[in-house]
Amino acid sequence: MDRITLIRPDDWHLHLRDGPQMAAVLPDSARRFARAIVMPNLRSPVRTTQEALAYRARILAALPEDAAFEPLMTLYLTDDTPPEEIALAKRSGHVHAVKFYPAGATTHSAAGVTRISRCFNTLEKMEEQGLPLLVHGEVTDPEVAVFDREAVFLEEVLGPLLARFPGLRVVLEHITTRQSAQFVEVTGPNIAATITAHHLLLNRNALFQGGIRPHHFCLPVLKREEHREALVAAATSGNPKFFLGTDSAPHARDTKETACGCAGVYTAHGALELYAVAFEEAGALDRLEGFASRFGPQFYRLPVNAGSVALERGEWTVPASLPFATGELVPMRAGETIPWKIT
């Protein structure tokens, strides 16, 4: 197969930042995707519907003139998010989910949830309104090893949460483990998961090839090969509970290559192409369209996009770096070749 035509896909987990940084990376996503769920963890988190609508306006203003791209907004859940805000978000027509970051779990999560029980009234309203909860599924207990934090979260937080709110719609984002894939498979139709290209293509050895590789550091961290294989099996299974979410997360080079580097992998520059590599390696290119274009809209209760995008076989070299506001960022597979390209 030398050419693939897909219904125009969506990215169901994207970091765009703000200001000049957003302007630098937004065209990469707008070229490949019709819509994207935009994360709310800016330096000043997007906590209210009013803030989400203002952020949406900034994104639309920064789009290239010829781009057809719709940002789907989210709110940042805190201990103090009032249930009334959920009703406002739902009525807005532009806020499509609420993001749950355990406090301290990842980039700009300091304002996140310290104890999920403090959010029960708000979660009850979300269950009532049908507004999905997007979950960064890791515990932050320092006694739990970093490679085990996702598995422990399933047992100690998400399982009990779903027992209390059985109708709550939940997306377990950027899953990294066999346990998470199995959890999603056997739980009800209100539970789904996104899978990133970097978790499909890399295992934790990639963090240490020839030395520390800070541009492969993300949270949740890369796991063993057995977990990567389980994610590939889930993504290529044709199960509509698994769909595309890049978690593309731009960081300036000097914030990655430092004594305490930021977590995040930038993949928006070649997102569809990287997924095509993963699906081809699994012998499942025929299932890429469902994963990329159909299953996400189905879960979010949105129409499948009109139009299409084509990938054709042909090598191109990823730049060693990309401009990022006043600095630069290092994309995934910098300096390497990718065998698929957008036409």
C-alpha atoms as a PDB file:
ATOM      1  CA  MET A   1       0.000   0.000   0.000  1.00  0.00           C
ATOM      2  CA  ASP A   2       1.599   3.254  -1.145  1.00  0.00           C
ATOM      3  CA  ARG A   3      -1.250   5.683  -0.482  1.00  0.00           C
ATOM      4  CA  ILE A   4      -3.818   5.956   2.301  1.00  0.00           C
ATOM      5  CA  THR A   5      -6.848   8.217   2.174  1.00  0.00           C
ATOM      6  CA  LEU A   6      -8.523   8.857   5.520  1.00  0.00           C
ATOM      7  CA  ILE A   7     -11.634  10.716   6.563  1.00  0.00           C
ATOM      8  CA  ARG A   8     -10.133  13.874   8.021  1.00  0.00           C
ATOM      9  CA  PRO A   9      -9.085  12.883  11.545  1.00  0.00           C
ATOM     10  CA  ASP A  10      -9.210  14.582  14.946  1.00  0.00           C
ATOM     11  CA  ASP A  11      -6.719  14.825  17.785  1.00  0.00           C
ATOM     12  CA  TRP A  12      -8.468  14.055  21.069  1.00  0.00           C
ATOM     13  CA  HIS A  13      -5.601  15.239  23.310  1.00  0.00           C
ATOM     14  CA  LEU A  14      -3.460  18.235  22.342  1.00  0.00           C
ATOM     15  CA  HIS A  15      -1.322  20.866  24.083  1.00  0.00           C
ATOM     16  CA  LEU A  16      -1.147  24.185  22.236  1.00  0.00           C
ATOM     17  CA  ARG A  17       0.286  26.502  24.919  1.00  0.00           C
ATOM     18  CA  ASP A  18      -0.532  30.190  24.384  1.00  0.00           C
ATOM     19  CA  GLY A  19       0.746  33.367  22.741  1.00  0.00           C
ATOM     20  CA  PRO A  20       3.793  33.129  20.428  1.00  0.00           C
ATOM     21  CA  GLN A  21       4.425  29.505  21.459  1.00  0.00           C
ATOM     22  CA  MET A  22       0.917  28.558  20.333  1.00  0.00           C
ATOM     23  CA  ALA A  23       1.358  30.418  17.059  1.00  0.00           C
ATOM     24  CA  ALA A  24       4.522  28.395  16.384  1.00  0.00           C
ATOM     25  CA  VAL A  25       2.949  24.946  16.783  1.00  0.00           C
ATOM     26  CA  LEU A  26      -0.702  25.431  15.826  1.00  0.00           C
ATOM     27  CA  PRO A  27      -0.148  25.083  12.036  1.00  0.00           C
ATOM     28  CA  ASP A  28       1.258  21.559  12.481  1.00  0.00           C
ATOM     29  CA  SER A  29      -1.988  20.337  14.052  1.00  0.00           C
ATOM     30  CA  ALA A  30      -4.274  22.388  11.816  1.00  0.00           C
ATOM     31  CA  ARG A  31      -2.674  20.831   8.719  1.00  0.00           C
ATOM     32  CA  ARG A  32      -3.467  17.292   9.847  1.00  0.00           C
ATOM     33  CA  PHE A  33      -6.606  17.475  11.981  1.00  0.00           C
ATOM     34  CA  ALA A  34     -10.067  18.976  11.662  1.00  0.00           C
ATOM     35  CA  ARG A  35     -10.595  19.280  15.420  1.00  0.00           C
ATOM     36  CA  ALA A  36      -8.662  18.819  18.631  1.00  0.00           C
ATOM     37  CA  ILE A  37      -9.457  18.566  22.319  1.00  0.00           C
ATOM     38  CA  VAL A  38      -7.253  21.330  23.711  1.00  0.00           C
ATOM     39  CA  MET A  39      -5.742  20.866  27.145  1.00  0.00           C
ATOM     40  CA  PRO A  40      -6.408  23.563  29.778  1.00  0.00           C
ATOM     41  CA  ASN A  41      -3.110  23.403  31.688  1.00  0.00           C
ATOM     42  CA  LEU A  42      -1.728  26.779  30.744  1.00  0.00           C
ATOM     43  CA  ARG A  43       0.490  28.609  33.226  1.00  0.00           C
ATOM     44  CA  SER A  44      -2.733  30.160  34.434  1.00  0.00           C
ATOM     45  CA  PRO A  45      -5.139  27.200  34.154  1.00  0.00           C
ATOM     46  CA  VAL A  46      -8.375  27.445  32.174  1.00  0.00           C
ATOM     47  CA  ARG A  47     -10.811  26.965  35.059  1.00  0.00           C
ATOM     48  CA  THR A  48     -14.016  28.623  33.863  1.00  0.00           C
ATOM     49  CA  THR A  49     -16.169  28.623  30.760  1.00  0.00           C
ATOM     50  CA  GLN A  50     -15.409  32.296  30.239  1.00  0.00           C
ATOM     51  CA  GLU A  51     -11.665  31.561  30.282  1.00  0.00           C
ATOM     52  CA  ALA A  52     -12.148  28.630  27.899  1.00  0.00           C
ATOM     53  CA  LEU A  53     -14.053  30.769  25.416  1.00  0.00           C
ATOM     54  CA  ALA A  54     -11.368  33.462  25.586  1.00  0.00           C
ATOM     55  CA  TYR A  55      -8.658  30.850  24.964  1.00  0.00           C
ATOM     56  CA  ARG A  56     -10.674  29.477  22.039  1.00  0.00           C
ATOM     57  CA  ALA A  57     -10.823  32.969  20.517  1.00  0.00           C
ATOM     58  CA  ARG A  58      -7.029  33.295  20.808  1.00  0.00           C
ATOM     59  CA  ILE A  59      -6.548  29.944  19.061  1.00  0.00           C
ATOM     60  CA  LEU A  60      -8.866  30.882  16.203  1.00  0.00           C
ATOM     61  CA  ALA A  61      -7.116  34.239  15.813  1.00  0.00           C
ATOM     62  CA  ALA A  62      -3.716  32.498  15.563  1.00  0.00           C
ATOM     63  CA  LEU A  63      -4.760  30.034  12.829  1.00  0.00           C
ATOM     64  CA  PRO A  64      -3.279  30.365   9.346  1.00  0.00           C
ATOM     65  CA  GLU A  65      -5.768  32.042   7.013  1.00  0.00           C
ATOM     66  CA  ASP A  66      -6.427  28.920   4.965  1.00  0.00           C
ATOM     67  CA  ALA A  67      -6.813  26.565   7.955  1.00  0.00           C
ATOM     68  CA  ALA A  68     -10.074  24.796   8.766  1.00  0.00           C
ATOM     69  CA  PHE A  69      -9.536  23.727  12.363  1.00  0.00           C
ATOM     70  CA  GLU A  70     -11.905  23.705  15.329  1.00  0.00           C
ATOM     71  CA  PRO A  71     -10.539  23.782  18.887  1.00  0.00           C
ATOM     72  CA  LEU A  72     -12.698  21.801  21.313  1.00  0.00           C
ATOM     73  CA  MET A  73     -12.242  23.351  24.721  1.00  0.00           C
ATOM     74  CA  THR A  74     -11.836  21.839  28.187  1.00  0.00           C
ATOM     75  CA  LEU A  75     -11.926  23.043  31.777  1.00  0.00           C
ATOM     76  CA  TYR A  76      -9.263  22.360  34.389  1.00  0.00           C
ATOM     77  CA  LEU A  77     -10.793  20.537  37.358  1.00  0.00           C
ATOM     78  CA  THR A  78      -9.795  21.799  40.790  1.00  0.00           C
ATOM     79  CA  ASP A  79     -10.894  21.032  44.336  1.00  0.00           C
ATOM     80  CA  ASP A  80     -13.139  24.110  44.083  1.00  0.00           C
ATOM     81  CA  THR A  81     -14.740  23.784  40.648  1.00  0.00           C
ATOM     82  CA  PRO A  82     -18.432  24.516  41.335  1.00  0.00           C
ATOM     83  CA  PRO A  83     -21.153  22.301  39.843  1.00  0.00           C
ATOM     84  CA  GLU A  84     -22.727  25.418  38.357  1.00  0.00           C
ATOM     85  CA  GLU A  85     -19.676  25.830  36.114  1.00  0.00           C
ATOM     86  CA  ILE A  86     -20.411  22.449  34.534  1.00  0.00           C
ATOM     87  CA  ALA A  87     -23.856  23.599  33.482  1.00  0.00           C
ATOM     88  CA  LEU A  88     -22.368  26.771  31.993  1.00  0.00           C
ATOM     89  CA  ALA A  89     -19.757  24.739  30.128  1.00  0.00           C
ATOM     90  CA  LYS A  90     -22.340  22.410  28.657  1.00  0.00           C
ATOM     91  CA  ARG A  91     -24.565  25.286  27.537  1.00  0.00           C
ATOM     92  CA  SER A  92     -21.650  27.060  25.848  1.00  0.00           C
ATOM     93  CA  GLY A  93     -21.495  24.476  23.064  1.00  0.00           C
ATOM     94  CA  HIS A  94     -17.719  24.899  22.934  1.00  0.00           C
ATOM     95  CA  VAL A  95     -16.541  23.194  26.128  1.00  0.00           C
ATOM     96  CA  HIS A  96     -16.546  19.462  25.514  1.00  0.00           C
ATOM     97  CA  ALA A  97     -14.877  17.984  28.606  1.00  0.00           C
ATOM     98  CA  VAL A  98     -13.248  18.601  31.984  1.00  0.00           C
ATOM     99  CA  LYS A  99      -9.643  17.566  32.678  1.00  0.00           C
ATOM    100  CA  PHE A 100      -8.636  15.858  35.923  1.00  0.00           C
ATOM    101  CA  TYR A 101      -4.972  16.318  36.800  1.00  0.00           C
ATOM    102  CA  PRO A 102      -3.914  14.905  40.158  1.00  0.00           C
ATOM    103  CA  ALA A 103      -2.030  17.789  41.763  1.00  0.00           C
ATOM    104  CA  GLY A 104       1.649  17.569  40.870  1.00  0.00           C
ATOM    105  CA  ALA A 105       1.264  14.765  38.325  1.00  0.00           C
ATOM    106  CA  THR A 106       2.657  16.572  35.265  1.00  0.00           C
ATOM    107  CA  THR A 107       3.313  19.930  33.595  1.00  0.00           C
ATOM    108  CA  HIS A 108       1.331  22.812  35.119  1.00  0.00           C
ATOM    109  CA  SER A 109      -0.677  20.520  37.381  1.00  0.00           C
ATOM    110  CA  ALA A 110       0.036  22.245  40.693  1.00  0.00           C
ATOM    111  CA  ALA A 111      -3.534  23.585  40.769  1.00  0.00           C
ATOM    112  CA  GLY A 112      -4.974  20.135  40.145  1.00  0.00           C
ATOM    113  CA  VAL A 113      -7.080  17.918  42.381  1.00  0.00           C
ATOM    114  CA  THR A 114      -5.611  17.108  45.789  1.00  0.00           C
ATOM    115  CA  ARG A 115      -8.370  14.686  46.779  1.00  0.00           C
ATOM    116  CA  ILE A 116     -10.998  13.428  44.351  1.00  0.00           C
ATOM    117  CA  SER A 117     -13.676  13.313  47.063  1.00  0.00           C
ATOM    118  CA  ARG A 118     -13.627  17.117  47.065  1.00  0.00           C
ATOM    119  CA  CYS A 119     -14.976  17.019  43.514  1.00  0.00           C
ATOM    120  CA  PHE A 120     -17.905  14.657  44.056  1.00  0.00           C
ATOM    121  CA  ASN A 121     -20.628  17.297  43.685  1.00  0.00           C
ATOM    122  CA  THR A 122     -19.052  18.519  40.464  1.00  0.00           C
ATOM    123  CA  LEU A 123     -18.626  14.986  39.119  1.00  0.00           C
ATOM    124  CA  GLU A 124     -22.257  14.280  39.898  1.00  0.00           C
ATOM    125  CA  LYS A 125     -23.214  17.281  37.757  1.00  0.00           C
ATOM    126  CA  MET A 126     -20.926  16.048  34.970  1.00  0.00           C
ATOM    127  CA  GLU A 127     -22.592  12.642  35.092  1.00  0.00           C
ATOM    128  CA  GLU A 128     -25.977  14.345  34.864  1.00  0.00           C
ATOM    129  CA  GLN A 129     -24.932  16.617  31.985  1.00  0.00           C
ATOM    130  CA  GLY A 130     -23.020  13.932  30.054  1.00  0.00           C
ATOM    131  CA  LEU A 131     -19.829  16.005  30.031  1.00  0.00           C
ATOM    132  CA  PRO A 132     -16.773  13.702  29.841  1.00  0.00           C
ATOM    133  CA  LEU A 133     -14.029  13.607  32.445  1.00  0.00           C
ATOM    134  CA  LEU A 134     -10.555  13.390  30.891  1.00  0.00           C
ATOM    135  CA  VAL A 135      -8.138  11.676  33.226  1.00  0.00           C
ATOM    136  CA  HIS A 136      -4.397  11.891  33.689  1.00  0.00           C
ATOM    137  CA  GLY A 137      -4.295   8.474  35.308  1.00  0.00           C
ATOM    138  CA  GLU A 138      -1.404   8.492  37.755  1.00  0.00           C
ATOM    139  CA  VAL A 139      -1.137   8.659  41.518  1.00  0.00           C
ATOM    140  CA  THR A 140       1.384  11.117  42.917  1.00  0.00           C
ATOM    141  CA  ASP A 141       2.272   9.273  46.125  1.00  0.00           C
ATOM    142  CA  PRO A 142       6.093   9.427  46.342  1.00  0.00           C
ATOM    143  CA  GLU A 143       6.082   5.920  47.806  1.00  0.00           C
ATOM    144  CA  VAL A 144       4.790   4.553  44.479  1.00  0.00           C
ATOM    145  CA  ALA A 145       7.447   3.907  41.808  1.00  0.00           C
ATOM    146  CA  VAL A 146       7.037   6.081  38.716  1.00  0.00           C
ATOM    147  CA  PHE A 147       6.543   3.020  36.489  1.00  0.00           C
ATOM    148  CA  ASP A 148       3.679   1.781  38.705  1.00  0.00           C
ATOM    149  CA  ARG A 149       1.707   4.994  39.145  1.00  0.00           C
ATOM    150  CA  GLU A 150      -0.769   4.317  36.348  1.00  0.00           C
ATOM    151  CA  ALA A 151      -1.606   0.793  37.508  1.00  0.00           C
ATOM    152  CA  VAL A 152      -2.087   1.982  41.100  1.00  0.00           C
ATOM    153  CA  PHE A 153      -4.352   4.808  39.901  1.00  0.00           C
ATOM    154  CA  LEU A 154      -6.694   2.309  38.272  1.00  0.00           C
ATOM    155  CA  GLU A 155      -7.077   0.343  41.484  1.00  0.00           C
ATOM    156  CA  GLU A 156      -7.131   3.118  44.054  1.00  0.00           C
ATOM    157  CA  VAL A 157      -8.796   6.028  42.231  1.00  0.00           C
ATOM    158  CA  LEU A 158     -10.523   5.249  38.947  1.00  0.00           C
ATOM    159  CA  GLY A 159     -12.156   1.962  39.899  1.00  0.00           C
ATOM    160  CA  PRO A 160     -13.808   3.390  43.048  1.00  0.00           C
ATOM    161  CA  LEU A 161     -14.727   6.572  41.168  1.00  0.00           C
ATOM    162  CA  LEU A 162     -16.631   4.659  38.497  1.00  0.00           C
ATOM    163  CA  ALA A 163     -18.349   2.560  41.134  1.00  0.00           C
ATOM    164  CA  ARG A 164     -19.647   5.777  42.696  1.00  0.00           C
ATOM    165  CA  PHE A 165     -20.547   7.440  39.373  1.00  0.00           C
ATOM    166  CA  PRO A 166     -21.415   4.559  37.010  1.00  0.00           C
ATOM    167  CA  GLY A 167     -22.832   6.884  34.368  1.00  0.00           C
ATOM    168  CA  LEU A 168     -19.852   9.240  34.239  1.00  0.00           C
ATOM    169  CA  ARG A 169     -18.240   9.346  30.806  1.00  0.00           C
ATOM    170  CA  VAL A 170     -14.464   9.011  31.153  1.00  0.00           C
ATOM    171  CA  VAL A 171     -11.505   9.115  28.787  1.00  0.00           C
ATOM    172  CA  LEU A 172      -8.376   7.607  30.300  1.00  0.00           C
ATOM    173  CA  GLU A 173      -5.843   9.645  28.391  1.00  0.00           C
ATOM    174  CA  HIS A 174      -2.454   8.621  26.993  1.00  0.00           C
ATOM    175  CA  ILE A 175      -2.583   5.106  28.435  1.00  0.00           C
ATOM    176  CA  THR A 176       0.802   3.415  28.757  1.00  0.00           C
ATOM    177  CA  THR A 177       0.209  -0.025  30.286  1.00  0.00           C
ATOM    178  CA  ARG A 178      -1.317  -3.382  29.561  1.00  0.00           C
ATOM    179  CA  GLN A 179      -3.414  -2.969  32.715  1.00  0.00           C
ATOM    180  CA  SER A 180      -4.984   0.242  31.402  1.00  0.00           C
ATOM    181  CA  ALA A 181      -5.817  -1.310  28.040  1.00  0.00           C
ATOM    182  CA  GLN A 182      -7.460  -4.264  29.769  1.00  0.00           C
ATOM    183  CA  PHE A 183      -9.330  -1.973  32.187  1.00  0.00           C
ATOM    184  CA  VAL A 184     -10.839  -0.012  29.300  1.00  0.00           C
ATOM    185  CA  GLU A 185     -11.708  -3.164  27.358  1.00  0.00           C
ATOM    186  CA  VAL A 186     -13.713  -4.752  30.184  1.00  0.00           C
ATOM    187  CA  THR A 187     -15.364  -1.622  31.606  1.00  0.00           C
ATOM    188  CA  GLY A 188     -18.647  -0.202  30.320  1.00  0.00           C
ATOM    189  CA  PRO A 189     -19.276   1.777  27.123  1.00  0.00           C
ATOM    190  CA  ASN A 190     -18.862   5.060  29.008  1.00  0.00           C
ATOM    191  CA  ILE A 191     -15.086   4.458  29.321  1.00  0.00           C
ATOM    192  CA  ALA A 192     -12.610   5.052  26.492  1.00  0.00           C
ATOM    193  CA  ALA A 193      -8.900   5.766  26.089  1.00  0.00           C
ATOM    194  CA  THR A 194      -6.533   7.736  23.895  1.00  0.00           C
ATOM    195  CA  ILE A 195      -3.168   6.379  22.794  1.00  0.00           C
ATOM    196  CA  THR A 196      -0.208   8.463  21.641  1.00  0.00           C
ATOM    197  CA  ALA A 197       2.099   7.788  18.711  1.00  0.00           C
ATOM    198  CA  HIS A 198       5.167   7.901  20.937  1.00  0.00           C
ATOM    199  CA  HIS A 199       3.787   5.252  23.294  1.00  0.00           C
ATOM    200  CA  LEU A 200       3.055   3.047  20.269  1.00  0.00           C
ATOM    201  CA  LEU A 201       6.567   3.445  18.864  1.00  0.00           C
ATOM    202  CA  LEU A 202       8.832   3.666  21.921  1.00  0.00           C
ATOM    203  CA  ASN A 203       9.466   1.693  25.076  1.00  0.00           C
ATOM    204  CA  ARG A 204      11.404   2.857  28.102  1.00  0.00           C
ATOM    205  CA  ASN A 205      14.749   1.851  26.581  1.00  0.00           C
ATOM    206  CA  ALA A 206      14.356   4.928  24.355  1.00  0.00           C
ATOM    207  CA  LEU A 207      15.026   7.096  27.409  1.00  0.00           C
ATOM    208  CA  PHE A 208      18.591   5.786  27.680  1.00  0.00           C
ATOM    209  CA  GLN A 209      19.838   5.059  24.145  1.00  0.00           C
ATOM    210  CA  GLY A 210      23.411   6.349  24.101  1.00  0.00           C
ATOM    211  CA  GLY A 211      22.784   8.407  27.236  1.00  0.00           C
ATOM    212  CA  ILE A 212      19.868  10.284  28.751  1.00  0.00           C
ATOM    213  CA  ARG A 213      17.372  11.259  26.031  1.00  0.00           C
ATOM    214  CA  PRO A 214      15.355  14.147  27.520  1.00  0.00           C
ATOM    215  CA  HIS A 215      13.191  14.583  24.422  1.00  0.00           C
ATOM    216  CA  HIS A 216      11.738  11.107  25.023  1.00  0.00           C
ATOM    217  CA  PHE A 217      10.751  11.984  28.596  1.00  0.00           C
ATOM    218  CA  CYS A 218       6.990  12.257  29.049  1.00  0.00           C
ATOM    219  CA  LEU A 219       4.411  11.593  31.734  1.00  0.00           C
ATOM    220  CA  PRO A 220       3.159   8.963  32.081  1.00  0.00           C
ATOM    221  CA  VAL A 221       6.666   7.732  31.392  1.00  0.00           C
ATOM    222  CA  LEU A 222       7.430   5.156  28.684  1.00  0.00           C
ATOM    223  CA  LYS A 223       7.047   1.573  29.901  1.00  0.00           C
ATOM    224  CA  ARG A 224       8.426  -1.901  29.153  1.00  0.00           C
ATOM    225  CA  GLU A 225       8.139  -3.503  25.715  1.00  0.00           C
ATOM    226  CA  GLU A 226       5.301  -5.777  26.866  1.00  0.00           C
ATOM    227  CA  HIS A 227       3.206  -2.691  27.594  1.00  0.00           C
ATOM    228  CA  ARG A 228       4.032  -1.062  24.247  1.00  0.00           C
ATOM    229  CA  GLU A 229       2.938  -4.253  22.512  1.00  0.00           C
ATOM    230  CA  ALA A 230      -0.343  -4.222  24.461  1.00  0.00           C
ATOM    231  CA  LEU A 231      -0.997  -0.633  23.370  1.00  0.00           C
ATOM    232  CA  VAL A 232      -0.341  -1.512  19.726  1.00  0.00           C
ATOM    233  CA  ALA A 233      -2.759  -4.433  20.033  1.00  0.00           C
ATOM    234  CA  ALA A 234      -5.426  -2.152  21.517  1.00  0.00           C
ATOM    235  CA  ALA A 235      -4.954   0.642  18.970  1.00  0.00           C
ATOM    236  CA  THR A 236      -5.071  -1.717  15.997  1.00  0.00           C
ATOM    237  CA  SER A 237      -7.852  -3.950  17.348  1.00  0.00           C
ATOM    238  CA  GLY A 238     -10.728  -2.036  15.787  1.00  0.00           C
ATOM    239  CA  ASN A 239     -12.244  -1.599  19.252  1.00  0.00           C
ATOM    240  CA  PRO A 240     -13.971   1.833  19.198  1.00  0.00           C
ATOM    241  CA  LYS A 241     -13.036   2.440  22.837  1.00  0.00           C
ATOM    242  CA  PHE A 242      -9.490   3.330  21.706  1.00  0.00           C
ATOM    243  CA  PHE A 243      -8.783   6.368  19.553  1.00  0.00           C
ATOM    244  CA  LEU A 244      -6.151   8.902  18.580  1.00  0.00           C
ATOM    245  CA  GLY A 245      -4.841  11.459  21.046  1.00  0.00           C
ATOM    246  CA  THR A 246      -1.334  12.718  20.382  1.00  0.00           C
ATOM    247  CA  ASP A 247      -0.619  14.409  23.723  1.00  0.00           C
ATOM    248  CA  SER A 248       1.771  16.460  21.601  1.00  0.00           C
ATOM    249  CA  ALA A 249       3.444  18.707  24.168  1.00  0.00           C
ATOM    250  CA  PRO A 250       5.848  21.407  22.976  1.00  0.00           C
ATOM    251  CA  HIS A 251       8.667  22.541  25.257  1.00  0.00           C
ATOM    252  CA  ALA A 252      11.610  24.771  24.426  1.00  0.00           C
ATOM    253  CA  ARG A 253      14.895  22.919  24.034  1.00  0.00           C
ATOM    254  CA  ASP A 254      16.448  24.631  27.058  1.00  0.00           C
ATOM    255  CA  THR A 255      13.581  23.470  29.309  1.00  0.00           C
ATOM    256  CA  LYS A 256      14.094  19.855  28.224  1.00  0.00           C
ATOM    257  CA  GLU A 257      17.899  19.751  28.165  1.00  0.00           C
ATOM    258  CA  THR A 258      18.390  20.836  31.752  1.00  0.00           C
ATOM    259  CA  ALA A 259      18.961  19.398  35.214  1.00  0.00           C
ATOM    260  CA  CYS A 260      15.203  19.027  35.790  1.00  0.00           C
ATOM    261  CA  GLY A 261      13.663  18.793  32.352  1.00  0.00           C
ATOM    262  CA  CYS A 262       9.999  19.194  31.453  1.00  0.00           C
ATOM    263  CA  ALA A 263       7.866  16.188  30.545  1.00  0.00           C
ATOM    264  CA  GLY A 264       6.433  16.044  27.051  1.00  0.00           C
ATOM    265  CA  VAL A 265       7.095  14.809  23.523  1.00  0.00           C
ATOM    266  CA  TYR A 266       6.358  16.998  20.499  1.00  0.00           C
ATOM    267  CA  THR A 267       4.738  14.957  17.720  1.00  0.00           C
ATOM    268  CA  ALA A 268       2.334  17.354  15.988  1.00  0.00           C
ATOM    269  CA  HIS A 269       4.851  17.961  13.175  1.00  0.00           C
ATOM    270  CA  GLY A 270       4.328  14.379  11.958  1.00  0.00           C
ATOM    271  CA  ALA A 271       1.479  12.992  13.997  1.00  0.00           C
ATOM    272  CA  LEU A 272      -0.486  11.124  11.325  1.00  0.00           C
ATOM    273  CA  GLU A 273       2.707   9.965   9.673  1.00  0.00           C
ATOM    274  CA  LEU A 274       3.994   8.496  12.953  1.00  0.00           C
ATOM    275  CA  TYR A 275       0.706   6.685  13.591  1.00  0.00           C
ATOM    276  CA  ALA A 276       0.911   5.280  10.056  1.00  0.00           C
ATOM    277  CA  VAL A 277       4.370   3.900  10.879  1.00  0.00           C
ATOM    278  CA  ALA A 278       3.024   2.193  14.006  1.00  0.00           C
ATOM    279  CA  PHE A 279      -0.009   0.727  12.230  1.00  0.00           C
ATOM    280  CA  GLU A 280       2.054  -0.463   9.280  1.00  0.00           C
ATOM    281  CA  GLU A 281       4.544  -2.185  11.587  1.00  0.00           C
ATOM    282  CA  ALA A 282       1.547  -3.996  13.104  1.00  0.00           C
ATOM    283  CA  GLY A 283       0.157  -4.936   9.670  1.00  0.00           C
ATOM    284  CA  ALA A 284      -2.991  -2.924  10.358  1.00  0.00           C
ATOM    285  CA  LEU A 285      -3.018   0.106   8.041  1.00  0.00           C
ATOM    286  CA  ASP A 286      -6.593  -0.773   7.097  1.00  0.00           C
ATOM    287  CA  ARG A 287      -7.646  -0.008  10.691  1.00  0.00           C
ATOM    288  CA  LEU A 288      -6.007   3.409  10.960  1.00  0.00           C
ATOM    289  CA  GLU A 289      -9.088   5.305   9.748  1.00  0.00           C
ATOM    290  CA  GLY A 290     -11.331   3.944  12.499  1.00  0.00           C
ATOM    291  CA  PHE A 291      -8.773   4.819  15.172  1.00  0.00           C
ATOM    292  CA  ALA A 292      -7.985   8.254  13.736  1.00  0.00           C
ATOM    293  CA  SER A 293     -11.261   9.430  12.234  1.00  0.00           C
ATOM    294  CA  ARG A 294     -14.321   7.538  13.488  1.00  0.00           C
ATOM    295  CA  PHE A 295     -14.048   6.296  17.063  1.00  0.00           C
ATOM    296  CA  GLY A 296     -13.301   9.641  18.745  1.00  0.00           C
ATOM    297  CA  PRO A 297     -16.320  11.457  17.276  1.00  0.00           C
ATOM    298  CA  GLN A 298     -18.454   8.473  18.197  1.00  0.00           C
ATOM    299  CA  PHE A 299     -17.478   8.705  21.868  1.00  0.00           C
ATOM    300  CA  TYR A 300     -17.763  12.515  22.010  1.00  0.00           C
ATOM    301  CA  ARG A 301     -21.151  12.375  20.246  1.00  0.00           C
ATOM    302  CA  LEU A 302     -19.976  14.552  17.375  1.00  0.00           C
ATOM    303  CA  PRO A 303     -20.333  13.990  13.612  1.00  0.00           C
ATOM    304  CA  VAL A 304     -17.531  12.422  11.635  1.00  0.00           C
ATOM    305  CA  ASN A 305     -15.689  15.078   9.636  1.00  0.00           C
ATOM    306  CA  ALA A 306     -16.314  15.842   6.005  1.00  0.00           C
ATOM    307  CA  GLY A 307     -13.339  15.822   3.688  1.00  0.00           C
ATOM    308  CA  SER A 308     -10.255  13.655   3.712  1.00  0.00           C
ATOM    309  CA  VAL A 309      -6.494  13.659   4.093  1.00  0.00           C
ATOM    310  CA  ALA A 310      -4.047  11.512   2.159  1.00  0.00           C
ATOM    311  CA  LEU A 311      -0.760   9.940   3.174  1.00  0.00           C
ATOM    312  CA  GLU A 312       1.611   8.574   0.581  1.00  0.00           C
ATOM    313  CA  ARG A 313       4.731   6.509   0.885  1.00  0.00           C
ATOM    314  CA  GLY A 314       7.809   8.692   0.613  1.00  0.00           C
ATOM    315  CA  GLU A 315      10.659   9.465   2.941  1.00  0.00           C
ATOM    316  CA  TRP A 316      11.136  12.889   4.457  1.00  0.00           C
ATOM    317  CA  THR A 317      13.626  14.016   7.061  1.00  0.00           C
ATOM    318  CA  VAL A 318      12.385  15.520  10.310  1.00  0.00           C
ATOM    319  CA  PRO A 319      14.171  18.821  11.031  1.00  0.00           C
ATOM    320  CA  ALA A 320      16.717  18.760  13.848  1.00  0.00           C
ATOM    321  CA  SER A 321      14.727  21.528  15.527  1.00  0.00           C
ATOM    322  CA  LEU A 322      11.704  23.732  14.937  1.00  0.00           C
ATOM    323  CA  PRO A 323      11.166  27.409  15.791  1.00  0.00           C
ATOM    324  CA  PHE A 324       9.274  27.917  19.040  1.00  0.00           C
ATOM    325  CA  ALA A 325       8.559  31.545  19.916  1.00  0.00           C
ATOM    326  CA  THR A 326      11.973  33.030  20.817  1.00  0.00           C
ATOM    327  CA  GLY A 327      13.643  29.616  21.065  1.00  0.00           C
ATOM    328  CA  GLU A 328      13.407  26.208  19.443  1.00  0.00           C
ATOM    329  CA  LEU A 329      11.970  22.788  20.185  1.00  0.00           C
ATOM    330  CA  VAL A 330      13.183  19.315  19.279  1.00  0.00           C
ATOM    331  CA  PRO A 331      10.483  17.169  17.646  1.00  0.00           C
ATOM    332  CA  MET A 332      10.186  13.402  17.875  1.00  0.00           C
ATOM    333  CA  ARG A 333      12.563  11.637  15.466  1.00  0.00           C
ATOM    334  CA  ALA A 334      14.546  14.834  14.921  1.00  0.00           C
ATOM    335  CA  GLY A 335      17.056  14.308  12.114  1.00  0.00           C
ATOM    336  CA  GLU A 336      15.562  10.928  11.206  1.00  0.00           C
ATOM    337  CA  THR A 337      13.430   9.885   8.238  1.00  0.00           C
ATOM    338  CA  ILE A 338       9.736   8.992   8.292  1.00  0.00           C
ATOM    339  CA  PRO A 339       8.441   6.788   5.435  1.00  0.00           C
ATOM    340  CA  TRP A 340       4.980   8.383   5.147  1.00  0.00           C
ATOM    341  CA  LYS A 341       4.099  11.970   4.333  1.00  0.00           C
ATOM    342  CA  ILE A 342       1.011  14.149   4.019  1.00  0.00           C
ATOM    343  CA  THR A 343       0.191  14.996   0.404  1.00  0.00           C
END
